[in-house]
Amino acid sequence: MPAVLLTECAAQAAGTAWMYGSHCEPGTFLFLASIDRFRIRNVVAPGATVRTEVEMMREMGTLAQFSVRCVVDEMVVAEGHLTLSLGVDSPQNTSNKPPDRGGQS
């Protein structure tokens, strides 16, 4: 399995954990903001089942950092840290929205 797919798998799992753990509103979307210390440790053969383990390290407003591990047959095949960001137009991201002016333009 290509390394980029292991990274994508880990990012998708981290995003799912963040969305369900923080009870995100419908319409919320996330971006992969950074990949840190992500290492591919072993080859993943076709047909192997990859288990992805995700732990939130910290949440910083519209960013969240995760420790992730991809495991095949109890052997770590990839691990590292990923940072995700809330999308600018997501319902829960208020950092980039203009102040409400009470109907005035």
Protein backbone atom coordinates (compact mmCIF):
# COMPACT_ATOMS: atom_id res chain seq x y z
CA MET A 1 0.00 0.00 0.00
CA PRO A 2 1.45 3.41 -0.90
CA ALA A 3 2.55 5.64 1.97
CA VAL A 4 0.18 8.40 0.86
CA LEU A 5 -2.79 6.04 1.42
CA LEU A 6 -1.61 5.21 4.94
CA THR A 7 -1.36 8.94 5.63
CA GLU A 8 -4.83 9.53 4.18
CA CYS A 9 -6.25 6.66 6.23
CA ALA A 10 -4.80 8.16 9.41
CA ALA A 11 -6.08 11.65 8.56
CA GLN A 12 -9.59 10.36 7.82
CA ALA A 13 -9.65 8.47 11.12
CA ALA A 14 -8.43 11.54 13.04
CA GLY A 15 -11.07 13.72 11.35
CA THR A 16 -13.82 11.25 12.19
CA ALA A 17 -12.68 11.08 15.81
CA TRP A 18 -12.62 14.90 16.09
CA MET A 19 -16.02 15.36 14.46
CA TYR A 20 -17.76 12.78 16.61
CA GLY A 21 -15.85 13.65 19.78
CA SER A 22 -16.66 17.36 19.59
CA HIS A 23 -20.20 16.85 18.22
CA CYS A 24 -19.63 18.96 15.10
CA GLU A 25 -22.61 20.44 13.34
CA PRO A 26 -23.73 19.21 9.90
CA GLY A 27 -21.79 20.98 7.16
CA THR A 28 -18.54 21.03 9.11
CA PHE A 29 -15.50 20.15 7.04
CA LEU A 30 -11.87 19.64 7.98
CA PHE A 31 -8.50 20.05 6.30
CA LEU A 32 -5.20 18.31 6.88
CA ALA A 33 -3.05 21.23 8.09
CA SER A 34 0.25 19.48 8.79
CA ILE A 35 2.02 16.12 8.91
CA ASP A 36 4.76 15.85 11.54
CA ARG A 37 7.17 13.03 12.30
CA PHE A 38 5.10 10.60 10.20
CA ARG A 39 7.17 7.51 9.50
CA ILE A 40 6.46 4.43 7.43
CA ARG A 41 7.88 1.49 9.44
CA ASN A 42 6.96 -1.54 7.31
CA VAL A 43 5.44 -2.55 4.00
CA VAL A 44 1.70 -3.24 3.84
CA ALA A 45 0.95 -6.13 1.50
CA PRO A 46 -2.17 -6.23 -0.69
CA GLY A 47 -5.12 -7.74 1.17
CA ALA A 48 -3.81 -6.82 4.64
CA THR A 49 -6.17 -5.26 7.17
CA VAL A 50 -4.92 -1.95 8.53
CA ARG A 51 -6.15 -0.89 11.99
CA THR A 52 -5.81 2.85 12.66
CA GLU A 53 -5.34 4.12 16.21
CA VAL A 54 -5.97 7.81 16.89
CA GLU A 55 -5.44 9.87 20.03
CA MET A 56 -6.14 13.59 20.28
CA MET A 57 -3.11 15.28 21.81
CA ARG A 58 -4.54 18.79 22.05
CA GLU A 59 -7.25 21.02 20.66
CA MET A 60 -6.36 24.66 19.94
CA GLY A 61 -9.48 26.48 18.78
CA THR A 62 -9.89 25.63 15.10
CA LEU A 63 -6.90 23.23 15.13
CA ALA A 64 -6.47 19.79 16.68
CA GLN A 65 -3.32 17.70 16.86
CA PHE A 66 -3.44 13.90 16.82
CA SER A 67 -1.05 11.05 17.43
CA VAL A 68 -1.82 8.29 14.90
CA ARG A 69 -0.66 4.71 14.34
CA CYS A 70 -1.44 2.28 11.54
CA VAL A 71 -1.14 -1.35 12.64
CA VAL A 72 -1.17 -4.64 10.68
CA ASP A 73 -1.13 -7.93 12.60
CA GLU A 74 -0.01 -6.14 15.81
CA MET A 75 2.96 -4.57 13.96
CA VAL A 76 3.14 -0.77 13.63
CA VAL A 77 3.49 0.02 9.93
CA ALA A 78 3.17 3.83 10.17
CA GLU A 79 2.97 6.43 12.94
CA GLY A 80 3.26 10.13 13.52
CA HIS A 81 1.40 13.33 14.31
CA LEU A 82 -1.25 15.05 12.21
CA THR A 83 -2.83 18.47 12.67
CA LEU A 84 -6.33 19.12 11.33
CA SER A 85 -8.08 22.45 10.84
CA LEU A 86 -11.76 23.40 10.72
CA GLY A 87 -12.79 24.77 7.34
CA VAL A 88 -13.24 28.54 7.14
CA ASP A 89 -16.97 28.31 6.35
CA SER A 90 -17.73 25.53 8.84
CA PRO A 91 -20.61 26.34 11.22
CA GLN A 92 -18.34 26.04 14.27
CA ASN A 93 -15.49 28.23 12.99
CA THR A 94 -16.24 31.72 14.29
CA SER A 95 -12.67 33.05 14.06
CA ASN A 96 -13.04 34.33 10.48
CA LYS A 97 -16.63 35.51 10.54
CA PRO A 98 -17.37 39.25 10.53
CA PRO A 99 -19.14 40.66 13.59
CA ASP A 100 -22.92 40.84 13.50
CA ARG A 101 -23.94 44.45 12.87
CA GLY A 102 -27.62 44.01 13.64
CA GLY A 103 -28.79 44.11 10.02
CA GLN A 104 -26.58 47.06 9.04
CA SER A 105 -24.17 46.80 6.12
